[in-house]
Amino acid sequence: MKSAFGEPIPDVVAQWFNWSNGVAGTPGQTQDDASVIPGYWPLSIIEAKSIMSGYIDADAELGDHWVPLLGSGGGDFYAAVFDESLHEVGVFTVMSGGDTEISFHSVEEMVDGFLELYQTGVFFVDVDGTLEADDDRWVEYESRVGGAA
């Protein structure tokens, strides 16, 4: 598993991909059908590697050691970012054409945070059955938790 990315990865990142190695597509499936949080779904190892190889923008926030965990149809993604020791793992949001910011200080904090966003109604299913979010509250939450401006 760790060698799939060409370098060692933190155990928590390996555990993430052992838990969910992407979303299996089915005929007629939409992007919304695959989302586990509004607009994002778990990436497979192959999808994560593809994002990494296709991400040509130098990004000082990501540094040299990162692996995408969740992706969107618009090119945005959540990435585990870590140091060479593999001990310090944060989760950053990478917005296509926008800023890269820390959203969570660990993968566990991300999972707990998303659970809280469901529990507090920030993430919800609308009357059409589509998973939605109160984007302003979502951004405020991640800014507060991650410490971004």
N, C-alpha and C. Protein backbone atom coordinates (compact mmCIF):
# COMPACT_ATOMS: atom_id res chain seq x y z
N MET A 1 0.83 -1.20 0.00
CA MET A 1 0.00 0.00 0.00
C MET A 1 0.87 1.25 0.00
N LYS A 2 1.80 1.33 0.94
CA LYS A 2 2.59 2.54 1.05
C LYS A 2 3.43 2.78 -0.19
N SER A 3 3.85 1.71 -0.84
CA SER A 3 4.69 1.88 -2.03
C SER A 3 3.88 2.30 -3.25
N ALA A 4 2.56 2.26 -3.19
CA ALA A 4 1.73 2.66 -4.32
C ALA A 4 1.94 4.12 -4.70
N PHE A 5 2.38 4.93 -3.76
CA PHE A 5 2.56 6.35 -4.02
C PHE A 5 4.02 6.73 -4.29
N GLY A 6 4.89 5.74 -4.39
CA GLY A 6 6.28 6.00 -4.73
C GLY A 6 7.14 6.44 -3.57
N GLU A 7 6.56 6.56 -2.40
CA GLU A 7 7.30 6.92 -1.21
C GLU A 7 6.49 6.44 -0.01
N PRO A 8 7.11 6.33 1.14
CA PRO A 8 6.33 5.94 2.33
C PRO A 8 5.24 6.96 2.62
N ILE A 9 4.13 6.48 3.12
CA ILE A 9 3.04 7.36 3.53
C ILE A 9 2.69 7.05 4.98
N PRO A 10 2.07 8.00 5.67
CA PRO A 10 1.69 7.76 7.06
C PRO A 10 0.69 6.60 7.17
N ASP A 11 0.74 5.91 8.30
CA ASP A 11 -0.19 4.80 8.53
C ASP A 11 -1.64 5.23 8.39
N VAL A 12 -1.97 6.43 8.85
CA VAL A 12 -3.36 6.90 8.78
C VAL A 12 -3.82 7.04 7.33
N VAL A 13 -2.93 7.37 6.43
CA VAL A 13 -3.29 7.48 5.01
C VAL A 13 -3.50 6.09 4.43
N ALA A 14 -2.65 5.14 4.79
CA ALA A 14 -2.83 3.76 4.35
C ALA A 14 -4.16 3.21 4.89
N GLN A 15 -4.47 3.53 6.15
CA GLN A 15 -5.74 3.09 6.73
C GLN A 15 -6.93 3.68 5.97
N TRP A 16 -6.81 4.94 5.54
CA TRP A 16 -7.88 5.59 4.77
C TRP A 16 -8.18 4.79 3.51
N PHE A 17 -7.16 4.45 2.76
CA PHE A 17 -7.36 3.71 1.52
C PHE A 17 -7.76 2.26 1.76
N ASN A 18 -7.38 1.69 2.88
CA ASN A 18 -7.87 0.36 3.24
C ASN A 18 -9.35 0.41 3.58
N TRP A 19 -9.80 1.52 4.14
CA TRP A 19 -11.21 1.70 4.49
C TRP A 19 -12.03 1.91 3.23
N SER A 20 -11.57 2.77 2.33
CA SER A 20 -12.32 3.06 1.11
C SER A 20 -11.35 3.36 0.00
N ASN A 21 -11.28 2.47 -0.95
CA ASN A 21 -10.42 2.67 -2.12
C ASN A 21 -11.28 3.14 -3.29
N GLY A 22 -11.93 4.28 -3.09
CA GLY A 22 -12.74 4.88 -4.14
C GLY A 22 -14.19 4.45 -4.07
N VAL A 23 -14.93 4.89 -5.08
CA VAL A 23 -16.36 4.61 -5.18
C VAL A 23 -16.59 3.88 -6.49
N ALA A 24 -17.22 2.72 -6.41
CA ALA A 24 -17.52 1.95 -7.62
C ALA A 24 -18.65 2.64 -8.38
N GLY A 25 -18.41 2.89 -9.65
CA GLY A 25 -19.43 3.51 -10.49
C GLY A 25 -20.46 2.50 -10.96
N THR A 26 -21.68 2.98 -11.13
CA THR A 26 -22.76 2.14 -11.66
C THR A 26 -23.45 2.90 -12.79
N PRO A 27 -24.09 2.19 -13.70
CA PRO A 27 -24.79 2.87 -14.80
C PRO A 27 -25.81 3.88 -14.25
N GLY A 28 -25.79 5.07 -14.82
CA GLY A 28 -26.72 6.12 -14.41
C GLY A 28 -26.33 6.88 -13.17
N GLN A 29 -25.22 6.52 -12.55
CA GLN A 29 -24.78 7.18 -11.33
C GLN A 29 -24.35 8.61 -11.63
N THR A 30 -24.70 9.52 -10.75
CA THR A 30 -24.28 10.91 -10.88
C THR A 30 -23.21 11.22 -9.86
N GLN A 31 -22.59 12.37 -10.02
CA GLN A 31 -21.60 12.81 -9.04
C GLN A 31 -22.22 12.89 -7.66
N ASP A 32 -23.44 13.39 -7.57
CA ASP A 32 -24.10 13.50 -6.28
C ASP A 32 -24.33 12.14 -5.63
N ASP A 33 -24.55 11.10 -6.45
CA ASP A 33 -24.75 9.76 -5.91
C ASP A 33 -23.51 9.23 -5.20
N ALA A 34 -22.34 9.68 -5.63
CA ALA A 34 -21.08 9.17 -5.09
C ALA A 34 -20.57 9.97 -3.90
N SER A 35 -21.11 11.14 -3.67
CA SER A 35 -20.60 12.03 -2.63
C SER A 35 -20.88 11.49 -1.24
N VAL A 36 -19.87 11.55 -0.38
CA VAL A 36 -20.06 11.20 1.02
C VAL A 36 -20.13 12.47 1.88
N ILE A 37 -19.55 13.53 1.36
CA ILE A 37 -19.79 14.87 1.88
C ILE A 37 -20.16 15.68 0.63
N PRO A 38 -20.89 16.75 0.76
CA PRO A 38 -21.40 17.44 -0.41
C PRO A 38 -20.30 17.80 -1.42
N GLY A 39 -20.42 17.23 -2.62
CA GLY A 39 -19.50 17.53 -3.70
C GLY A 39 -18.22 16.73 -3.72
N TYR A 40 -17.98 15.91 -2.72
CA TYR A 40 -16.72 15.16 -2.61
C TYR A 40 -16.98 13.68 -2.37
N TRP A 41 -16.10 12.85 -2.91
CA TRP A 41 -16.18 11.41 -2.68
C TRP A 41 -14.79 10.86 -2.40
N PRO A 42 -14.71 9.69 -1.75
CA PRO A 42 -13.41 9.08 -1.49
C PRO A 42 -12.74 8.69 -2.82
N LEU A 43 -11.48 9.01 -2.94
CA LEU A 43 -10.72 8.68 -4.14
C LEU A 43 -10.13 7.28 -4.02
N SER A 44 -9.96 6.63 -5.15
CA SER A 44 -9.21 5.38 -5.18
C SER A 44 -7.73 5.72 -5.22
N ILE A 45 -6.90 4.73 -4.98
CA ILE A 45 -5.45 4.95 -5.08
C ILE A 45 -5.10 5.43 -6.49
N ILE A 46 -5.70 4.82 -7.49
CA ILE A 46 -5.42 5.21 -8.88
C ILE A 46 -5.82 6.66 -9.13
N GLU A 47 -7.00 7.07 -8.64
CA GLU A 47 -7.45 8.45 -8.81
C GLU A 47 -6.53 9.42 -8.07
N ALA A 48 -6.12 9.06 -6.85
CA ALA A 48 -5.23 9.91 -6.06
C ALA A 48 -3.89 10.08 -6.78
N LYS A 49 -3.34 8.98 -7.29
CA LYS A 49 -2.08 9.06 -8.02
C LYS A 49 -2.22 9.93 -9.27
N SER A 50 -3.35 9.83 -9.94
CA SER A 50 -3.60 10.63 -11.14
C SER A 50 -3.64 12.12 -10.80
N ILE A 51 -4.30 12.47 -9.72
CA ILE A 51 -4.35 13.87 -9.29
C ILE A 51 -2.94 14.36 -8.97
N MET A 52 -2.19 13.53 -8.26
CA MET A 52 -0.82 13.93 -7.87
C MET A 52 0.05 14.17 -9.11
N SER A 53 -0.04 13.28 -10.08
CA SER A 53 0.81 13.43 -11.28
C SER A 53 0.32 14.56 -12.17
N GLY A 54 -0.96 14.87 -12.12
CA GLY A 54 -1.50 15.94 -12.95
C GLY A 54 -1.48 17.30 -12.31
N TYR A 55 -1.14 17.35 -11.03
CA TYR A 55 -1.14 18.63 -10.31
C TYR A 55 0.21 19.29 -10.49
N ILE A 56 0.30 20.12 -11.51
CA ILE A 56 1.59 20.69 -11.87
C ILE A 56 1.87 22.02 -11.19
N ASP A 57 0.87 22.58 -10.55
CA ASP A 57 1.07 23.86 -9.86
C ASP A 57 1.96 23.67 -8.64
N ALA A 58 2.99 24.48 -8.55
CA ALA A 58 3.80 24.48 -7.33
C ALA A 58 2.92 25.02 -6.21
N ASP A 59 2.85 24.34 -5.13
CA ASP A 59 1.98 24.73 -4.04
C ASP A 59 2.75 24.63 -2.73
N ALA A 60 3.17 25.78 -2.24
CA ALA A 60 3.98 25.82 -1.02
C ALA A 60 3.23 25.23 0.17
N GLU A 61 1.91 25.34 0.18
CA GLU A 61 1.13 24.81 1.30
C GLU A 61 1.16 23.29 1.32
N LEU A 62 1.13 22.66 0.15
CA LEU A 62 1.17 21.20 0.09
C LEU A 62 2.56 20.67 0.34
N GLY A 63 3.57 21.36 -0.12
CA GLY A 63 4.93 20.87 0.04
C GLY A 63 5.20 19.67 -0.85
N ASP A 64 6.10 18.81 -0.40
CA ASP A 64 6.53 17.67 -1.22
C ASP A 64 5.84 16.36 -0.87
N HIS A 65 5.13 16.31 0.25
CA HIS A 65 4.57 15.04 0.72
C HIS A 65 3.08 15.20 0.99
N TRP A 66 2.29 14.72 0.04
CA TRP A 66 0.84 14.83 0.18
C TRP A 66 0.17 13.76 -0.67
N VAL A 67 -1.05 13.41 -0.25
CA VAL A 67 -1.85 12.42 -0.97
C VAL A 67 -3.31 12.88 -0.92
N PRO A 68 -3.96 13.01 -2.08
CA PRO A 68 -5.39 13.35 -2.09
C PRO A 68 -6.23 12.23 -1.48
N LEU A 69 -7.23 12.61 -0.69
CA LEU A 69 -8.13 11.64 -0.06
C LEU A 69 -9.54 11.71 -0.63
N LEU A 70 -10.03 12.92 -0.81
CA LEU A 70 -11.38 13.15 -1.33
C LEU A 70 -11.28 14.06 -2.56
N GLY A 71 -12.09 13.79 -3.56
CA GLY A 71 -12.05 14.61 -4.77
C GLY A 71 -13.43 15.09 -5.15
N SER A 72 -13.46 16.06 -6.05
CA SER A 72 -14.72 16.60 -6.57
C SER A 72 -14.67 16.60 -8.09
N GLY A 73 -15.81 16.81 -8.70
CA GLY A 73 -15.87 16.87 -10.15
C GLY A 73 -15.23 18.11 -10.73
N GLY A 74 -15.01 19.12 -9.92
CA GLY A 74 -14.46 20.38 -10.40
C GLY A 74 -12.97 20.54 -10.19
N GLY A 75 -12.29 19.50 -9.74
CA GLY A 75 -10.85 19.56 -9.54
C GLY A 75 -10.42 19.94 -8.13
N ASP A 76 -11.36 20.23 -7.25
CA ASP A 76 -11.02 20.51 -5.85
C ASP A 76 -10.76 19.17 -5.15
N PHE A 77 -9.95 19.21 -4.10
CA PHE A 77 -9.72 17.97 -3.35
C PHE A 77 -9.24 18.28 -1.94
N TYR A 78 -9.40 17.28 -1.08
CA TYR A 78 -8.84 17.30 0.27
C TYR A 78 -7.62 16.39 0.23
N ALA A 79 -6.50 16.86 0.77
CA ALA A 79 -5.27 16.08 0.74
C ALA A 79 -4.67 15.97 2.13
N ALA A 80 -4.18 14.77 2.43
CA ALA A 80 -3.36 14.58 3.63
C ALA A 80 -1.98 15.11 3.30
N VAL A 81 -1.48 16.00 4.13
CA VAL A 81 -0.17 16.62 3.94
C VAL A 81 0.68 16.24 5.14
N PHE A 82 1.90 15.77 4.87
CA PHE A 82 2.72 15.26 5.96
C PHE A 82 4.17 15.63 5.77
N ASP A 83 4.92 15.51 6.86
CA ASP A 83 6.35 15.80 6.81
C ASP A 83 7.12 14.50 6.58
N GLU A 84 8.41 14.61 6.45
CA GLU A 84 9.23 13.43 6.16
C GLU A 84 9.18 12.40 7.27
N SER A 85 8.91 12.82 8.49
CA SER A 85 8.84 11.86 9.61
C SER A 85 7.58 11.00 9.55
N LEU A 86 6.60 11.42 8.75
CA LEU A 86 5.30 10.76 8.60
C LEU A 86 4.42 10.89 9.83
N HIS A 87 4.84 11.72 10.80
CA HIS A 87 4.07 11.86 12.03
C HIS A 87 3.12 13.05 12.00
N GLU A 88 3.50 14.11 11.40
CA GLU A 88 2.66 15.30 11.36
C GLU A 88 1.81 15.25 10.10
N VAL A 89 0.51 14.97 10.26
CA VAL A 89 -0.39 14.84 9.12
C VAL A 89 -1.53 15.83 9.30
N GLY A 90 -1.66 16.76 8.38
CA GLY A 90 -2.78 17.68 8.35
C GLY A 90 -3.60 17.40 7.11
N VAL A 91 -4.80 17.96 7.05
CA VAL A 91 -5.64 17.83 5.87
C VAL A 91 -5.91 19.22 5.32
N PHE A 92 -5.53 19.40 4.07
CA PHE A 92 -5.68 20.68 3.40
C PHE A 92 -6.75 20.59 2.33
N THR A 93 -7.46 21.68 2.12
CA THR A 93 -8.40 21.79 1.03
C THR A 93 -7.69 22.51 -0.10
N VAL A 94 -7.72 21.91 -1.29
CA VAL A 94 -7.12 22.49 -2.48
C VAL A 94 -8.27 22.86 -3.41
N MET A 95 -8.42 24.16 -3.65
CA MET A 95 -9.49 24.65 -4.49
C MET A 95 -8.93 25.03 -5.86
N SER A 96 -9.50 24.44 -6.90
CA SER A 96 -9.06 24.73 -8.26
C SER A 96 -9.19 26.24 -8.52
N GLY A 97 -8.08 26.87 -8.83
CA GLY A 97 -8.09 28.31 -9.07
C GLY A 97 -8.19 29.13 -7.81
N GLY A 98 -8.08 28.49 -6.65
CA GLY A 98 -8.20 29.22 -5.39
C GLY A 98 -7.05 28.89 -4.46
N ASP A 99 -7.28 29.20 -3.21
CA ASP A 99 -6.24 29.00 -2.20
C ASP A 99 -6.22 27.56 -1.69
N THR A 100 -5.05 27.16 -1.22
CA THR A 100 -4.88 25.91 -0.51
C THR A 100 -4.75 26.25 0.96
N GLU A 101 -5.62 25.67 1.79
CA GLU A 101 -5.63 26.02 3.21
C GLU A 101 -5.78 24.78 4.07
N ILE A 102 -5.20 24.85 5.25
CA ILE A 102 -5.40 23.75 6.19
C ILE A 102 -6.84 23.78 6.67
N SER A 103 -7.46 22.62 6.65
CA SER A 103 -8.84 22.50 7.11
C SER A 103 -8.93 21.72 8.42
N PHE A 104 -8.04 20.75 8.58
CA PHE A 104 -8.04 19.90 9.78
C PHE A 104 -6.60 19.55 10.12
N HIS A 105 -6.35 19.32 11.40
CA HIS A 105 -4.99 19.00 11.85
C HIS A 105 -4.67 17.52 11.82
N SER A 106 -5.64 16.70 11.43
CA SER A 106 -5.42 15.26 11.29
C SER A 106 -6.55 14.68 10.45
N VAL A 107 -6.34 13.47 9.96
CA VAL A 107 -7.40 12.77 9.23
C VAL A 107 -8.55 12.45 10.18
N GLU A 108 -8.22 12.05 11.40
CA GLU A 108 -9.26 11.77 12.39
C GLU A 108 -10.10 13.02 12.67
N GLU A 109 -9.45 14.17 12.79
CA GLU A 109 -10.18 15.41 13.01
C GLU A 109 -11.10 15.71 11.84
N MET A 110 -10.66 15.39 10.60
CA MET A 110 -11.51 15.60 9.43
C MET A 110 -12.76 14.73 9.52
N VAL A 111 -12.58 13.45 9.81
CA VAL A 111 -13.73 12.55 9.90
C VAL A 111 -14.68 13.00 11.01
N ASP A 112 -14.13 13.32 12.18
CA ASP A 112 -14.96 13.81 13.29
C ASP A 112 -15.65 15.12 12.91
N GLY A 113 -14.94 15.98 12.20
CA GLY A 113 -15.51 17.26 11.78
C GLY A 113 -16.67 17.08 10.82
N PHE A 114 -16.51 16.17 9.85
CA PHE A 114 -17.61 15.92 8.92
C PHE A 114 -18.82 15.33 9.64
N LEU A 115 -18.58 14.46 10.62
CA LEU A 115 -19.69 13.94 11.42
C LEU A 115 -20.41 15.07 12.15
N GLU A 116 -19.64 15.99 12.71
CA GLU A 116 -20.25 17.14 13.39
C GLU A 116 -21.06 17.99 12.42
N LEU A 117 -20.55 18.17 11.21
CA LEU A 117 -21.27 18.97 10.22
C LEU A 117 -22.59 18.31 9.82
N TYR A 118 -22.64 17.00 9.79
CA TYR A 118 -23.92 16.30 9.58
C TYR A 118 -24.83 16.51 10.78
N GLN A 119 -24.28 16.31 11.98
CA GLN A 119 -25.09 16.38 13.20
C GLN A 119 -25.67 17.77 13.43
N THR A 120 -24.97 18.81 13.00
CA THR A 120 -25.43 20.18 13.23
C THR A 120 -26.23 20.74 12.06
N GLY A 121 -26.46 19.92 11.03
CA GLY A 121 -27.29 20.36 9.90
C GLY A 121 -26.56 21.16 8.85
N VAL A 122 -25.25 21.30 8.96
CA VAL A 122 -24.49 21.99 7.92
C VAL A 122 -24.53 21.15 6.64
N PHE A 123 -24.42 19.84 6.78
CA PHE A 123 -24.63 18.90 5.67
C PHE A 123 -26.03 18.33 5.84
N PHE A 124 -26.80 18.28 4.76
CA PHE A 124 -28.18 17.82 4.85
C PHE A 124 -28.64 17.31 3.49
N VAL A 125 -29.71 16.56 3.50
CA VAL A 125 -30.33 16.08 2.27
C VAL A 125 -31.53 16.98 1.99
N ASP A 126 -31.54 17.59 0.78
CA ASP A 126 -32.63 18.51 0.46
C ASP A 126 -33.89 17.75 0.03
N VAL A 127 -34.94 18.48 -0.28
CA VAL A 127 -36.22 17.85 -0.61
C VAL A 127 -36.15 16.97 -1.85
N ASP A 128 -35.18 17.22 -2.73
CA ASP A 128 -35.00 16.40 -3.93
C ASP A 128 -34.15 15.16 -3.66
N GLY A 129 -33.67 15.00 -2.41
CA GLY A 129 -32.84 13.85 -2.07
C GLY A 129 -31.37 14.05 -2.38
N THR A 130 -30.96 15.29 -2.63
CA THR A 130 -29.57 15.59 -2.96
C THR A 130 -28.83 16.03 -1.70
N LEU A 131 -27.63 15.51 -1.53
CA LEU A 131 -26.78 15.91 -0.41
C LEU A 131 -26.30 17.34 -0.65
N GLU A 132 -26.57 18.21 0.29
CA GLU A 132 -26.24 19.63 0.17
C GLU A 132 -25.48 20.11 1.41
N ALA A 133 -25.05 21.35 1.35
CA ALA A 133 -24.35 21.96 2.49
C ALA A 133 -24.68 23.44 2.57
N ASP A 134 -24.66 23.94 3.78
CA ASP A 134 -24.67 25.38 4.01
C ASP A 134 -23.22 25.80 3.87
N ASP A 135 -22.84 26.26 2.68
CA ASP A 135 -21.44 26.53 2.37
C ASP A 135 -20.79 27.55 3.29
N ASP A 136 -21.52 28.59 3.66
CA ASP A 136 -20.94 29.61 4.54
C ASP A 136 -20.57 29.01 5.90
N ARG A 137 -21.46 28.19 6.45
CA ARG A 137 -21.17 27.56 7.75
C ARG A 137 -20.05 26.53 7.62
N TRP A 138 -19.97 25.85 6.50
CA TRP A 138 -18.92 24.86 6.25
C TRP A 138 -17.55 25.54 6.22
N VAL A 139 -17.46 26.61 5.45
CA VAL A 139 -16.20 27.36 5.35
C VAL A 139 -15.81 27.93 6.70
N GLU A 140 -16.76 28.48 7.43
CA GLU A 140 -16.49 29.06 8.75
C GLU A 140 -15.98 27.97 9.68
N TYR A 141 -16.59 26.80 9.65
CA TYR A 141 -16.17 25.70 10.51
C TYR A 141 -14.73 25.31 10.23
N GLU A 142 -14.43 25.07 8.95
CA GLU A 142 -13.06 24.65 8.61
C GLU A 142 -12.04 25.74 8.91
N SER A 143 -12.40 26.99 8.75
CA SER A 143 -11.49 28.08 9.08
C SER A 143 -11.21 28.10 10.58
N ARG A 144 -12.25 27.88 11.36
CA ARG A 144 -12.10 27.88 12.82
C ARG A 144 -11.28 26.67 13.28
N VAL A 145 -11.62 25.51 12.78
CA VAL A 145 -10.96 24.27 13.22
C VAL A 145 -9.53 24.21 12.69
N GLY A 146 -9.36 24.53 11.41
CA GLY A 146 -8.04 24.44 10.80
C GLY A 146 -7.13 25.60 11.14
N GLY A 147 -7.72 26.69 11.55
CA GLY A 147 -6.92 27.85 11.91
C GLY A 147 -6.59 28.75 10.73
N ALA A 148 -7.24 28.48 9.58
CA ALA A 148 -6.99 29.33 8.40
C ALA A 148 -7.75 30.64 8.56
N ALA A 149 -7.29 31.63 7.83
CA ALA A 149 -7.92 32.95 7.91
C ALA A 149 -9.26 32.96 7.21
